[in-house]
N, C-alpha and C. Protein backbone atom coordinates (compact mmCIF):
# COMPACT_ATOMS: atom_id res chain seq x y z
N MET A 1 -29.78 9.95 -10.98
CA MET A 1 -29.16 9.96 -9.65
C MET A 1 -29.11 11.37 -9.08
N ALA A 2 -29.98 12.21 -9.57
CA ALA A 2 -30.01 13.59 -9.12
C ALA A 2 -30.28 13.66 -7.64
N GLY A 3 -29.73 14.66 -7.01
CA GLY A 3 -29.98 14.86 -5.59
C GLY A 3 -29.08 14.06 -4.68
N THR A 4 -28.06 13.39 -5.24
CA THR A 4 -27.20 12.56 -4.40
C THR A 4 -26.05 13.34 -3.80
N VAL A 5 -25.81 14.57 -4.26
CA VAL A 5 -24.65 15.33 -3.80
C VAL A 5 -25.09 16.37 -2.78
N ALA A 6 -24.41 16.39 -1.64
CA ALA A 6 -24.68 17.38 -0.59
C ALA A 6 -23.56 18.39 -0.55
N ASP A 7 -23.91 19.66 -0.36
CA ASP A 7 -22.92 20.73 -0.26
C ASP A 7 -22.56 20.93 1.20
N ASP A 8 -21.27 21.12 1.46
CA ASP A 8 -20.82 21.30 2.84
C ASP A 8 -21.05 22.71 3.35
N GLY A 9 -21.46 23.62 2.48
CA GLY A 9 -21.75 24.97 2.93
C GLY A 9 -20.53 25.77 3.32
N THR A 10 -19.40 25.53 2.66
CA THR A 10 -18.18 26.25 3.02
C THR A 10 -18.21 27.70 2.56
N GLY A 11 -19.03 27.99 1.54
CA GLY A 11 -19.11 29.36 1.05
C GLY A 11 -17.89 29.82 0.30
N ALA A 12 -17.11 28.89 -0.22
CA ALA A 12 -15.91 29.26 -0.98
C ALA A 12 -16.31 29.93 -2.28
N PRO A 13 -15.55 30.93 -2.73
CA PRO A 13 -15.88 31.64 -3.96
C PRO A 13 -15.79 30.73 -5.18
N ALA A 14 -16.55 31.10 -6.22
CA ALA A 14 -16.53 30.33 -7.46
C ALA A 14 -15.12 30.28 -8.02
N GLY A 15 -14.78 29.13 -8.64
CA GLY A 15 -13.47 28.98 -9.25
C GLY A 15 -12.43 28.38 -8.34
N THR A 16 -12.73 28.24 -7.06
CA THR A 16 -11.79 27.60 -6.14
C THR A 16 -11.76 26.10 -6.39
N PRO A 17 -10.73 25.40 -5.93
CA PRO A 17 -10.71 23.96 -6.10
C PRO A 17 -11.93 23.31 -5.45
N LEU A 18 -12.37 22.23 -6.04
CA LEU A 18 -13.53 21.49 -5.55
C LEU A 18 -13.07 20.16 -4.96
N ILE A 19 -13.58 19.86 -3.78
CA ILE A 19 -13.42 18.52 -3.20
C ILE A 19 -14.79 17.87 -3.21
N ILE A 20 -14.86 16.68 -3.77
CA ILE A 20 -16.10 15.92 -3.73
C ILE A 20 -15.77 14.53 -3.21
N GLY A 21 -16.42 14.16 -2.14
CA GLY A 21 -15.97 12.93 -1.50
C GLY A 21 -17.06 12.14 -0.82
N CYS A 22 -16.62 11.14 -0.12
CA CYS A 22 -17.49 10.20 0.57
C CYS A 22 -18.12 10.86 1.79
N GLY A 23 -19.44 10.71 1.91
CA GLY A 23 -20.13 11.26 3.07
C GLY A 23 -19.63 10.69 4.38
N ALA A 24 -19.05 9.48 4.34
CA ALA A 24 -18.50 8.89 5.56
C ALA A 24 -17.24 9.59 6.03
N LEU A 25 -16.65 10.43 5.16
CA LEU A 25 -15.46 11.19 5.53
C LEU A 25 -15.78 12.63 5.93
N ALA A 26 -17.05 12.99 5.96
CA ALA A 26 -17.42 14.40 6.12
C ALA A 26 -16.83 15.03 7.38
N SER A 27 -17.00 14.40 8.52
CA SER A 27 -16.50 14.98 9.77
C SER A 27 -14.99 15.09 9.78
N GLU A 28 -14.32 14.05 9.29
CA GLU A 28 -12.86 14.04 9.31
C GLU A 28 -12.30 15.03 8.30
N LEU A 29 -12.91 15.10 7.13
CA LEU A 29 -12.44 16.04 6.12
C LEU A 29 -12.65 17.48 6.57
N ARG A 30 -13.79 17.74 7.17
CA ARG A 30 -14.05 19.08 7.68
C ARG A 30 -13.03 19.45 8.74
N ALA A 31 -12.70 18.51 9.61
CA ALA A 31 -11.74 18.77 10.69
C ALA A 31 -10.36 19.10 10.14
N VAL A 32 -9.90 18.35 9.12
CA VAL A 32 -8.55 18.61 8.61
C VAL A 32 -8.50 19.89 7.80
N LEU A 33 -9.58 20.23 7.12
CA LEU A 33 -9.60 21.48 6.37
C LEU A 33 -9.57 22.68 7.32
N VAL A 34 -10.35 22.62 8.39
CA VAL A 34 -10.35 23.71 9.37
C VAL A 34 -8.99 23.82 10.04
N ALA A 35 -8.43 22.68 10.46
CA ALA A 35 -7.14 22.69 11.15
C ALA A 35 -6.03 23.23 10.24
N GLY A 36 -6.15 22.98 8.94
CA GLY A 36 -5.13 23.44 8.01
C GLY A 36 -5.40 24.81 7.43
N GLY A 37 -6.48 25.45 7.90
CA GLY A 37 -6.82 26.77 7.39
C GLY A 37 -7.25 26.76 5.93
N LEU A 38 -7.78 25.62 5.48
CA LEU A 38 -8.15 25.47 4.08
C LEU A 38 -9.65 25.47 3.85
N ASP A 39 -10.43 25.60 4.91
CA ASP A 39 -11.88 25.44 4.78
C ASP A 39 -12.53 26.50 3.90
N GLN A 40 -11.92 27.68 3.82
CA GLN A 40 -12.46 28.74 2.96
C GLN A 40 -11.77 28.78 1.60
N ALA A 41 -10.82 27.89 1.39
CA ALA A 41 -10.05 27.90 0.14
C ALA A 41 -10.58 26.90 -0.87
N VAL A 42 -11.57 26.09 -0.47
CA VAL A 42 -12.11 25.06 -1.35
C VAL A 42 -13.63 25.02 -1.21
N GLU A 43 -14.26 24.46 -2.22
CA GLU A 43 -15.67 24.09 -2.13
C GLU A 43 -15.74 22.60 -1.87
N VAL A 44 -16.63 22.17 -0.98
CA VAL A 44 -16.70 20.76 -0.62
C VAL A 44 -18.12 20.24 -0.84
N ARG A 45 -18.20 19.11 -1.49
CA ARG A 45 -19.48 18.41 -1.67
C ARG A 45 -19.28 16.94 -1.32
N TYR A 46 -20.38 16.27 -0.98
CA TYR A 46 -20.29 14.87 -0.58
C TYR A 46 -21.30 14.01 -1.32
N LEU A 47 -20.88 12.79 -1.63
CA LEU A 47 -21.80 11.76 -2.08
C LEU A 47 -22.32 11.00 -0.85
N PRO A 48 -23.43 10.30 -0.97
CA PRO A 48 -24.01 9.61 0.19
C PRO A 48 -23.05 8.61 0.82
N ALA A 49 -23.08 8.57 2.14
CA ALA A 49 -22.20 7.66 2.88
C ALA A 49 -22.49 6.21 2.58
N HIS A 50 -23.73 5.88 2.24
CA HIS A 50 -24.05 4.46 2.01
C HIS A 50 -23.43 3.92 0.73
N PHE A 51 -22.82 4.79 -0.10
CA PHE A 51 -22.07 4.29 -1.24
C PHE A 51 -20.87 3.46 -0.78
N HIS A 52 -20.51 3.60 0.50
CA HIS A 52 -19.47 2.74 1.07
C HIS A 52 -19.80 1.26 0.83
N ASN A 53 -21.09 0.94 0.88
CA ASN A 53 -21.53 -0.44 0.64
C ASN A 53 -21.89 -0.71 -0.81
N ARG A 54 -21.91 0.33 -1.64
CA ARG A 54 -22.28 0.17 -3.05
C ARG A 54 -21.27 0.88 -3.94
N PRO A 55 -20.03 0.38 -3.95
CA PRO A 55 -18.97 1.10 -4.68
C PRO A 55 -19.22 1.24 -6.17
N GLU A 56 -20.08 0.39 -6.72
CA GLU A 56 -20.37 0.51 -8.15
C GLU A 56 -21.14 1.80 -8.47
N ARG A 57 -21.67 2.47 -7.46
CA ARG A 57 -22.40 3.72 -7.67
C ARG A 57 -21.50 4.95 -7.62
N ILE A 58 -20.28 4.78 -7.16
CA ILE A 58 -19.42 5.95 -6.92
C ILE A 58 -19.08 6.67 -8.22
N VAL A 59 -18.53 5.96 -9.19
CA VAL A 59 -18.09 6.62 -10.41
C VAL A 59 -19.26 7.21 -11.20
N PRO A 60 -20.38 6.50 -11.37
CA PRO A 60 -21.51 7.15 -12.06
C PRO A 60 -21.98 8.42 -11.36
N ALA A 61 -21.98 8.42 -10.03
CA ALA A 61 -22.40 9.62 -9.30
C ALA A 61 -21.40 10.76 -9.49
N LEU A 62 -20.12 10.42 -9.50
CA LEU A 62 -19.10 11.45 -9.75
C LEU A 62 -19.22 12.00 -11.16
N ASP A 63 -19.47 11.13 -12.11
CA ASP A 63 -19.61 11.56 -13.50
C ASP A 63 -20.76 12.57 -13.62
N GLU A 64 -21.87 12.28 -12.98
CA GLU A 64 -23.00 13.19 -13.00
C GLU A 64 -22.68 14.49 -12.28
N ALA A 65 -22.06 14.39 -11.13
CA ALA A 65 -21.79 15.58 -10.32
C ALA A 65 -20.79 16.51 -10.98
N LEU A 66 -19.84 15.96 -11.74
CA LEU A 66 -18.78 16.78 -12.32
C LEU A 66 -19.02 17.13 -13.79
N ALA A 67 -20.17 16.74 -14.32
CA ALA A 67 -20.45 17.01 -15.72
C ALA A 67 -20.45 18.50 -16.03
N SER A 68 -20.83 19.30 -15.04
CA SER A 68 -20.90 20.76 -15.26
C SER A 68 -19.65 21.48 -14.78
N GLU A 69 -18.56 20.73 -14.51
CA GLU A 69 -17.34 21.32 -13.98
C GLU A 69 -16.13 21.03 -14.87
N PRO A 70 -16.24 21.23 -16.18
CA PRO A 70 -15.10 20.90 -17.05
C PRO A 70 -13.90 21.79 -16.76
N GLY A 71 -12.74 21.16 -16.62
CA GLY A 71 -11.51 21.91 -16.42
C GLY A 71 -11.26 22.40 -15.01
N ARG A 72 -12.22 22.23 -14.10
CA ARG A 72 -12.02 22.71 -12.74
C ARG A 72 -11.08 21.78 -11.98
N SER A 73 -10.28 22.33 -11.08
CA SER A 73 -9.41 21.52 -10.24
C SER A 73 -10.26 20.78 -9.21
N VAL A 74 -10.15 19.46 -9.22
CA VAL A 74 -11.01 18.63 -8.39
C VAL A 74 -10.18 17.60 -7.63
N LEU A 75 -10.42 17.50 -6.34
CA LEU A 75 -9.91 16.38 -5.54
C LEU A 75 -11.10 15.49 -5.21
N ILE A 76 -11.03 14.26 -5.66
CA ILE A 76 -12.05 13.27 -5.31
C ILE A 76 -11.61 12.61 -4.01
N ALA A 77 -12.35 12.89 -2.95
CA ALA A 77 -11.96 12.40 -1.63
C ALA A 77 -12.45 10.98 -1.41
N TYR A 78 -11.95 10.11 -2.26
CA TYR A 78 -12.08 8.66 -2.16
C TYR A 78 -10.71 8.07 -2.47
N ALA A 79 -10.41 6.95 -1.82
CA ALA A 79 -9.36 6.08 -2.34
C ALA A 79 -10.02 5.21 -3.42
N ASP A 80 -9.44 4.09 -3.79
CA ASP A 80 -10.12 3.25 -4.79
C ASP A 80 -11.47 2.79 -4.26
N CYS A 81 -11.51 2.41 -3.00
CA CYS A 81 -12.77 2.15 -2.28
C CYS A 81 -13.67 1.13 -2.96
N GLY A 82 -13.06 0.07 -3.48
CA GLY A 82 -13.85 -1.02 -4.04
C GLY A 82 -14.33 -0.81 -5.45
N THR A 83 -13.85 0.24 -6.12
CA THR A 83 -14.28 0.47 -7.50
C THR A 83 -13.53 -0.38 -8.51
N GLY A 84 -12.54 -1.11 -8.05
CA GLY A 84 -11.81 -2.01 -8.93
C GLY A 84 -11.07 -1.33 -10.06
N GLY A 85 -10.56 -0.13 -9.78
CA GLY A 85 -9.82 0.61 -10.79
C GLY A 85 -10.68 1.54 -11.62
N ALA A 86 -12.00 1.48 -11.48
CA ALA A 86 -12.89 2.35 -12.26
C ALA A 86 -12.68 3.81 -11.90
N LEU A 87 -12.40 4.07 -10.62
CA LEU A 87 -12.16 5.46 -10.23
C LEU A 87 -10.87 5.99 -10.86
N ASP A 88 -9.84 5.19 -10.91
CA ASP A 88 -8.60 5.62 -11.55
C ASP A 88 -8.81 5.90 -13.04
N ARG A 89 -9.61 5.07 -13.70
CA ARG A 89 -9.89 5.31 -15.12
C ARG A 89 -10.67 6.61 -15.30
N PHE A 90 -11.59 6.87 -14.39
CA PHE A 90 -12.37 8.11 -14.44
C PHE A 90 -11.45 9.32 -14.26
N VAL A 91 -10.56 9.25 -13.28
CA VAL A 91 -9.64 10.36 -13.01
C VAL A 91 -8.72 10.59 -14.20
N ALA A 92 -8.27 9.50 -14.82
CA ALA A 92 -7.34 9.62 -15.94
C ALA A 92 -7.95 10.35 -17.13
N GLU A 93 -9.26 10.31 -17.22
CA GLU A 93 -9.95 10.96 -18.34
C GLU A 93 -10.29 12.42 -18.06
N ARG A 94 -10.02 12.89 -16.83
CA ARG A 94 -10.38 14.26 -16.47
C ARG A 94 -9.13 15.05 -16.09
N PRO A 95 -8.74 16.03 -16.90
CA PRO A 95 -7.60 16.87 -16.52
C PRO A 95 -7.87 17.59 -15.19
N ASN A 96 -6.82 17.82 -14.43
CA ASN A 96 -6.91 18.58 -13.18
C ASN A 96 -7.71 17.87 -12.10
N THR A 97 -7.82 16.55 -12.23
CA THR A 97 -8.57 15.78 -11.24
C THR A 97 -7.67 14.71 -10.65
N THR A 98 -7.76 14.52 -9.35
CA THR A 98 -7.00 13.46 -8.68
C THR A 98 -7.86 12.88 -7.57
N ARG A 99 -7.38 11.80 -6.98
CA ARG A 99 -8.08 11.17 -5.87
C ARG A 99 -7.14 10.99 -4.71
N LEU A 100 -7.68 10.57 -3.58
CA LEU A 100 -6.84 10.27 -2.42
C LEU A 100 -6.04 9.00 -2.68
N PRO A 101 -4.86 8.88 -2.08
CA PRO A 101 -4.03 7.69 -2.30
C PRO A 101 -4.57 6.48 -1.56
N GLY A 102 -4.17 5.31 -2.01
CA GLY A 102 -4.47 4.08 -1.29
C GLY A 102 -5.65 3.32 -1.85
N ALA A 103 -5.84 2.14 -1.27
CA ALA A 103 -6.92 1.26 -1.71
C ALA A 103 -8.25 1.61 -1.07
N HIS A 104 -8.20 2.16 0.16
CA HIS A 104 -9.42 2.45 0.90
C HIS A 104 -9.08 3.39 2.05
N CYS A 105 -10.11 3.85 2.75
CA CYS A 105 -9.89 4.82 3.81
C CYS A 105 -9.11 4.24 4.99
N TYR A 106 -9.20 2.93 5.19
CA TYR A 106 -8.47 2.32 6.30
C TYR A 106 -6.96 2.48 6.09
N GLU A 107 -6.52 2.23 4.88
CA GLU A 107 -5.10 2.40 4.56
C GLU A 107 -4.70 3.88 4.63
N LEU A 108 -5.60 4.75 4.18
CA LEU A 108 -5.32 6.18 4.20
C LEU A 108 -5.13 6.67 5.63
N PHE A 109 -6.03 6.28 6.52
CA PHE A 109 -5.95 6.74 7.91
C PHE A 109 -4.77 6.09 8.65
N ALA A 110 -4.60 4.80 8.49
CA ALA A 110 -3.57 4.08 9.25
C ALA A 110 -2.17 4.30 8.70
N GLY A 111 -2.07 4.58 7.39
CA GLY A 111 -0.78 4.61 6.72
C GLY A 111 -0.52 3.25 6.10
N ALA A 112 0.14 3.24 4.97
CA ALA A 112 0.32 2.01 4.21
C ALA A 112 1.07 0.94 5.01
N ASP A 113 2.12 1.35 5.74
CA ASP A 113 2.93 0.36 6.46
C ASP A 113 2.15 -0.26 7.62
N VAL A 114 1.45 0.58 8.38
CA VAL A 114 0.68 0.07 9.52
C VAL A 114 -0.44 -0.83 9.02
N PHE A 115 -1.13 -0.39 7.98
CA PHE A 115 -2.22 -1.22 7.47
C PHE A 115 -1.71 -2.56 6.95
N ALA A 116 -0.57 -2.54 6.24
CA ALA A 116 0.00 -3.78 5.72
C ALA A 116 0.36 -4.73 6.86
N ALA A 117 0.89 -4.18 7.95
CA ALA A 117 1.23 -5.02 9.10
C ALA A 117 -0.02 -5.63 9.73
N LEU A 118 -1.08 -4.83 9.84
CA LEU A 118 -2.34 -5.34 10.39
C LEU A 118 -2.89 -6.46 9.51
N HIS A 119 -2.85 -6.25 8.22
CA HIS A 119 -3.38 -7.25 7.30
C HIS A 119 -2.54 -8.53 7.33
N ASP A 120 -1.24 -8.37 7.36
CA ASP A 120 -0.37 -9.55 7.39
C ASP A 120 -0.55 -10.34 8.68
N ALA A 121 -0.78 -9.63 9.79
CA ALA A 121 -0.94 -10.30 11.07
C ALA A 121 -2.24 -11.10 11.11
N GLU A 122 -3.29 -10.59 10.47
CA GLU A 122 -4.57 -11.29 10.44
C GLU A 122 -5.38 -10.84 9.23
N PRO A 123 -5.28 -11.59 8.13
CA PRO A 123 -6.06 -11.22 6.94
C PRO A 123 -7.56 -11.18 7.18
N GLY A 124 -8.03 -11.98 8.13
CA GLY A 124 -9.45 -12.02 8.44
C GLY A 124 -9.85 -10.91 9.41
N THR A 125 -9.64 -9.67 9.00
CA THR A 125 -9.93 -8.52 9.85
C THR A 125 -11.00 -7.66 9.21
N PHE A 126 -11.98 -7.27 10.00
CA PHE A 126 -13.01 -6.32 9.57
C PHE A 126 -12.67 -4.98 10.22
N TYR A 127 -12.51 -3.95 9.39
CA TYR A 127 -12.04 -2.65 9.88
C TYR A 127 -13.20 -1.68 10.06
N LEU A 128 -13.06 -0.85 11.07
CA LEU A 128 -14.00 0.22 11.33
C LEU A 128 -13.24 1.54 11.50
N THR A 129 -13.84 2.62 11.06
CA THR A 129 -13.39 3.97 11.37
C THR A 129 -14.36 4.56 12.38
N ASP A 130 -14.10 5.80 12.81
CA ASP A 130 -15.05 6.46 13.71
C ASP A 130 -16.46 6.43 13.13
N TYR A 131 -16.57 6.84 11.86
CA TYR A 131 -17.89 6.93 11.25
C TYR A 131 -18.56 5.57 11.21
N LEU A 132 -17.84 4.55 10.80
CA LEU A 132 -18.44 3.23 10.67
C LEU A 132 -18.80 2.63 12.03
N ALA A 133 -18.02 2.95 13.06
CA ALA A 133 -18.37 2.48 14.40
C ALA A 133 -19.65 3.14 14.87
N ARG A 134 -19.75 4.46 14.65
CA ARG A 134 -20.93 5.21 15.09
C ARG A 134 -22.19 4.78 14.32
N HIS A 135 -22.01 4.39 13.06
CA HIS A 135 -23.15 4.06 12.20
C HIS A 135 -23.15 2.58 11.82
N PHE A 136 -22.65 1.75 12.70
CA PHE A 136 -22.55 0.33 12.41
C PHE A 136 -23.92 -0.28 12.12
N ASP A 137 -24.90 0.06 12.94
CA ASP A 137 -26.22 -0.55 12.75
C ASP A 137 -26.82 -0.25 11.37
N PRO A 138 -26.97 1.02 10.97
CA PRO A 138 -27.58 1.26 9.66
C PRO A 138 -26.72 0.82 8.48
N LEU A 139 -25.40 1.00 8.59
CA LEU A 139 -24.55 0.71 7.44
C LEU A 139 -24.18 -0.76 7.31
N VAL A 140 -23.98 -1.44 8.43
CA VAL A 140 -23.52 -2.83 8.38
C VAL A 140 -24.62 -3.80 8.80
N TRP A 141 -25.07 -3.68 10.03
CA TRP A 141 -26.03 -4.66 10.55
C TRP A 141 -27.32 -4.64 9.75
N GLN A 142 -27.91 -3.45 9.61
CA GLN A 142 -29.14 -3.34 8.81
C GLN A 142 -28.83 -3.34 7.32
N GLY A 143 -27.71 -2.71 6.96
CA GLY A 143 -27.35 -2.64 5.55
C GLY A 143 -27.17 -3.99 4.90
N LEU A 144 -26.69 -4.96 5.66
CA LEU A 144 -26.51 -6.32 5.15
C LEU A 144 -27.70 -7.22 5.45
N GLY A 145 -28.73 -6.64 6.07
CA GLY A 145 -29.93 -7.42 6.37
C GLY A 145 -29.80 -8.33 7.57
N LEU A 146 -28.77 -8.12 8.40
CA LEU A 146 -28.55 -9.00 9.55
C LEU A 146 -29.56 -8.75 10.66
N ASP A 147 -30.19 -7.58 10.66
CA ASP A 147 -31.25 -7.33 11.64
C ASP A 147 -32.46 -8.22 11.36
N ARG A 148 -32.68 -8.55 10.09
CA ARG A 148 -33.81 -9.41 9.70
C ARG A 148 -33.41 -10.87 9.60
N HIS A 149 -32.15 -11.11 9.26
CA HIS A 149 -31.68 -12.49 9.06
C HIS A 149 -30.33 -12.67 9.75
N PRO A 150 -30.32 -12.70 11.09
CA PRO A 150 -29.04 -12.84 11.80
C PRO A 150 -28.31 -14.13 11.47
N GLU A 151 -29.03 -15.11 10.93
CA GLU A 151 -28.39 -16.37 10.57
C GLU A 151 -27.40 -16.19 9.43
N LEU A 152 -27.46 -15.06 8.75
CA LEU A 152 -26.51 -14.79 7.66
C LEU A 152 -25.16 -14.28 8.15
N ARG A 153 -25.05 -14.08 9.44
CA ARG A 153 -23.79 -13.54 9.98
C ARG A 153 -22.60 -14.38 9.55
N ASP A 154 -22.72 -15.69 9.67
CA ASP A 154 -21.59 -16.55 9.32
C ASP A 154 -21.31 -16.53 7.82
N ALA A 155 -22.35 -16.34 7.01
CA ALA A 155 -22.12 -16.26 5.57
C ALA A 155 -21.29 -15.04 5.22
N TYR A 156 -21.55 -13.94 5.91
CA TYR A 156 -20.80 -12.71 5.66
C TYR A 156 -19.45 -12.66 6.39
N PHE A 157 -19.44 -13.13 7.61
CA PHE A 157 -18.28 -12.90 8.48
C PHE A 157 -17.62 -14.18 9.00
N GLY A 158 -17.97 -15.32 8.43
CA GLY A 158 -17.43 -16.58 8.90
C GLY A 158 -15.93 -16.70 8.76
N ASN A 159 -15.35 -15.97 7.81
CA ASN A 159 -13.89 -16.03 7.60
C ASN A 159 -13.14 -14.92 8.33
N TYR A 160 -13.86 -14.10 9.07
CA TYR A 160 -13.23 -13.03 9.84
C TYR A 160 -12.91 -13.52 11.25
N ARG A 161 -11.85 -12.96 11.82
CA ARG A 161 -11.43 -13.34 13.16
C ARG A 161 -11.48 -12.17 14.15
N ARG A 162 -11.37 -10.95 13.65
CA ARG A 162 -11.33 -9.82 14.56
C ARG A 162 -11.88 -8.56 13.89
N VAL A 163 -12.26 -7.61 14.73
CA VAL A 163 -12.59 -6.26 14.32
C VAL A 163 -11.45 -5.36 14.79
N VAL A 164 -10.92 -4.54 13.89
CA VAL A 164 -9.93 -3.53 14.26
C VAL A 164 -10.56 -2.16 14.04
N LEU A 165 -10.68 -1.41 15.11
CA LEU A 165 -11.20 -0.06 15.06
C LEU A 165 -10.02 0.91 14.93
N LEU A 166 -10.01 1.66 13.84
CA LEU A 166 -8.98 2.66 13.59
C LEU A 166 -9.59 4.02 13.88
N THR A 167 -9.33 4.56 15.06
CA THR A 167 -10.01 5.80 15.45
C THR A 167 -9.26 7.03 14.98
N GLN A 168 -10.07 8.04 14.60
CA GLN A 168 -9.54 9.34 14.24
C GLN A 168 -9.63 10.30 15.43
N SER A 169 -10.72 10.21 16.17
CA SER A 169 -10.91 11.04 17.36
C SER A 169 -10.46 10.27 18.60
N GLU A 170 -10.56 10.93 19.74
CA GLU A 170 -10.28 10.26 21.01
C GLU A 170 -11.55 10.16 21.85
N ASP A 171 -12.66 10.00 21.19
CA ASP A 171 -13.96 9.91 21.83
C ASP A 171 -14.17 8.48 22.36
N PRO A 172 -14.29 8.31 23.67
CA PRO A 172 -14.49 6.96 24.21
C PRO A 172 -15.78 6.31 23.73
N ALA A 173 -16.76 7.12 23.34
CA ALA A 173 -18.02 6.55 22.83
C ALA A 173 -17.80 5.79 21.53
N VAL A 174 -16.82 6.23 20.74
CA VAL A 174 -16.51 5.53 19.49
C VAL A 174 -15.91 4.16 19.80
N VAL A 175 -15.02 4.10 20.78
CA VAL A 175 -14.42 2.82 21.16
C VAL A 175 -15.50 1.88 21.70
N ALA A 176 -16.40 2.41 22.51
CA ALA A 176 -17.49 1.60 23.03
C ALA A 176 -18.36 1.06 21.90
N ALA A 177 -18.63 1.90 20.91
CA ALA A 177 -19.43 1.47 19.76
C ALA A 177 -18.71 0.38 18.97
N GLY A 178 -17.39 0.50 18.86
CA GLY A 178 -16.62 -0.52 18.17
C GLY A 178 -16.67 -1.86 18.88
N ARG A 179 -16.62 -1.82 20.19
CA ARG A 179 -16.72 -3.07 20.98
C ARG A 179 -18.08 -3.72 20.78
N VAL A 180 -19.12 -2.91 20.78
CA VAL A 180 -20.47 -3.45 20.57
C VAL A 180 -20.56 -4.09 19.19
N ALA A 181 -19.99 -3.42 18.18
CA ALA A 181 -20.00 -3.98 16.83
C ALA A 181 -19.30 -5.33 16.79
N ALA A 182 -18.14 -5.42 17.42
CA ALA A 182 -17.41 -6.70 17.46
C ALA A 182 -18.22 -7.78 18.15
N ASP A 183 -18.89 -7.41 19.25
CA ASP A 183 -19.74 -8.37 19.96
C ASP A 183 -20.87 -8.86 19.06
N HIS A 184 -21.49 -7.93 18.32
CA HIS A 184 -22.56 -8.31 17.40
C HIS A 184 -22.07 -9.33 16.38
N LEU A 185 -20.85 -9.15 15.93
CA LEU A 185 -20.31 -10.02 14.89
C LEU A 185 -19.65 -11.27 15.45
N GLY A 186 -19.51 -11.34 16.77
CA GLY A 186 -18.87 -12.49 17.40
C GLY A 186 -17.39 -12.56 17.12
N LEU A 187 -16.74 -11.38 17.03
CA LEU A 187 -15.33 -11.33 16.68
C LEU A 187 -14.52 -10.68 17.80
N GLU A 188 -13.22 -10.95 17.83
CA GLU A 188 -12.32 -10.28 18.76
C GLU A 188 -12.24 -8.80 18.40
N PHE A 189 -11.89 -7.99 19.40
CA PHE A 189 -11.85 -6.55 19.19
C PHE A 189 -10.46 -6.01 19.46
N GLU A 190 -9.99 -5.13 18.57
CA GLU A 190 -8.72 -4.44 18.76
C GLU A 190 -8.90 -2.98 18.38
N HIS A 191 -8.28 -2.10 19.14
CA HIS A 191 -8.41 -0.67 18.89
C HIS A 191 -7.03 -0.08 18.61
N ARG A 192 -6.93 0.68 17.52
CA ARG A 192 -5.72 1.43 17.20
C ARG A 192 -6.11 2.89 16.96
N HIS A 193 -5.52 3.80 17.70
CA HIS A 193 -5.76 5.22 17.43
C HIS A 193 -4.76 5.67 16.37
N VAL A 194 -5.27 6.13 15.24
CA VAL A 194 -4.40 6.52 14.13
C VAL A 194 -4.52 8.01 13.79
N GLY A 195 -5.54 8.68 14.31
CA GLY A 195 -5.70 10.11 14.06
C GLY A 195 -6.10 10.41 12.63
N ARG A 196 -5.86 11.66 12.24
CA ARG A 196 -6.26 12.13 10.91
C ARG A 196 -5.06 12.52 10.05
N ARG A 197 -3.87 12.19 10.51
CA ARG A 197 -2.67 12.69 9.83
C ARG A 197 -2.61 12.27 8.37
N GLY A 198 -2.92 11.00 8.09
CA GLY A 198 -2.85 10.53 6.71
C GLY A 198 -3.78 11.29 5.80
N LEU A 199 -5.00 11.53 6.26
CA LEU A 199 -5.95 12.30 5.47
C LEU A 199 -5.49 13.75 5.35
N ALA A 200 -5.03 14.34 6.45
CA ALA A 200 -4.60 15.73 6.43
C ALA A 200 -3.45 15.95 5.46
N GLU A 201 -2.49 15.05 5.46
CA GLU A 201 -1.34 15.20 4.56
C GLU A 201 -1.77 15.07 3.10
N ALA A 202 -2.62 14.09 2.81
CA ALA A 202 -3.05 13.89 1.43
C ALA A 202 -3.86 15.08 0.93
N VAL A 203 -4.79 15.55 1.74
CA VAL A 203 -5.64 16.67 1.33
C VAL A 203 -4.82 17.95 1.22
N GLY A 204 -3.95 18.20 2.20
CA GLY A 204 -3.17 19.43 2.21
C GLY A 204 -2.28 19.55 1.00
N VAL A 205 -1.62 18.45 0.64
CA VAL A 205 -0.71 18.48 -0.51
C VAL A 205 -1.49 18.75 -1.79
N VAL A 206 -2.61 18.06 -1.96
CA VAL A 206 -3.36 18.22 -3.20
C VAL A 206 -4.00 19.58 -3.31
N VAL A 207 -4.60 20.06 -2.22
CA VAL A 207 -5.26 21.37 -2.25
C VAL A 207 -4.24 22.47 -2.51
N ALA A 208 -3.09 22.41 -1.84
CA ALA A 208 -2.07 23.43 -2.06
C ALA A 208 -1.59 23.43 -3.50
N ARG A 209 -1.43 22.25 -4.08
CA ARG A 209 -0.97 22.16 -5.47
C ARG A 209 -2.03 22.68 -6.43
N ARG A 210 -3.28 22.35 -6.16
CA ARG A 210 -4.35 22.77 -7.06
C ARG A 210 -4.62 24.26 -6.97
N ALA A 211 -4.42 24.82 -5.77
CA ALA A 211 -4.71 26.24 -5.57
C ALA A 211 -3.58 27.13 -6.07
N ALA A 212 -2.41 26.53 -6.29
CA ALA A 212 -1.24 27.33 -6.70
C ALA A 212 -1.40 27.92 -8.10
């Protein structure tokens, strides 16, 4: 699996804490690190964004990427993200390593209480973030083969009732992309602006603790 890790080019000195995370979080993570004045205090690397659809690849890729970093302080910028507890088991075996809180990035961005309320109101909800709205076609439509076999839409999404877009930015193009995605899926559309606070708080606390 060589070559799957991309460097963010932060230029942080050797020995600083390492963040290695989901490529789908790259823009948001970079924004919170810059806003918090932490961008030069850490080294940042990313795994491919398409692992969002292949969670079984996350832990093996992390294992390979961190094999040469024994004892280094590491924040894995993933929630559980569909690994079924495998990520927690991986973290438990590595001293000085932690991950982002929550089950997935939707809960992280929205906050546990807001996400729980959204889920309780309609369990049949398909969630999008800024990144997923912008890259809906390659990651979802094409990624699931719906561009070639649109008849499979009901097999994948027949139990869904709505799309909820959880935006981090205030870019109207993201909202427009979310509406298009909902139309493609034949689902109702709802937009909630949640910002980056959840990610910023989680990253800030961990980085500050690791750098201390």
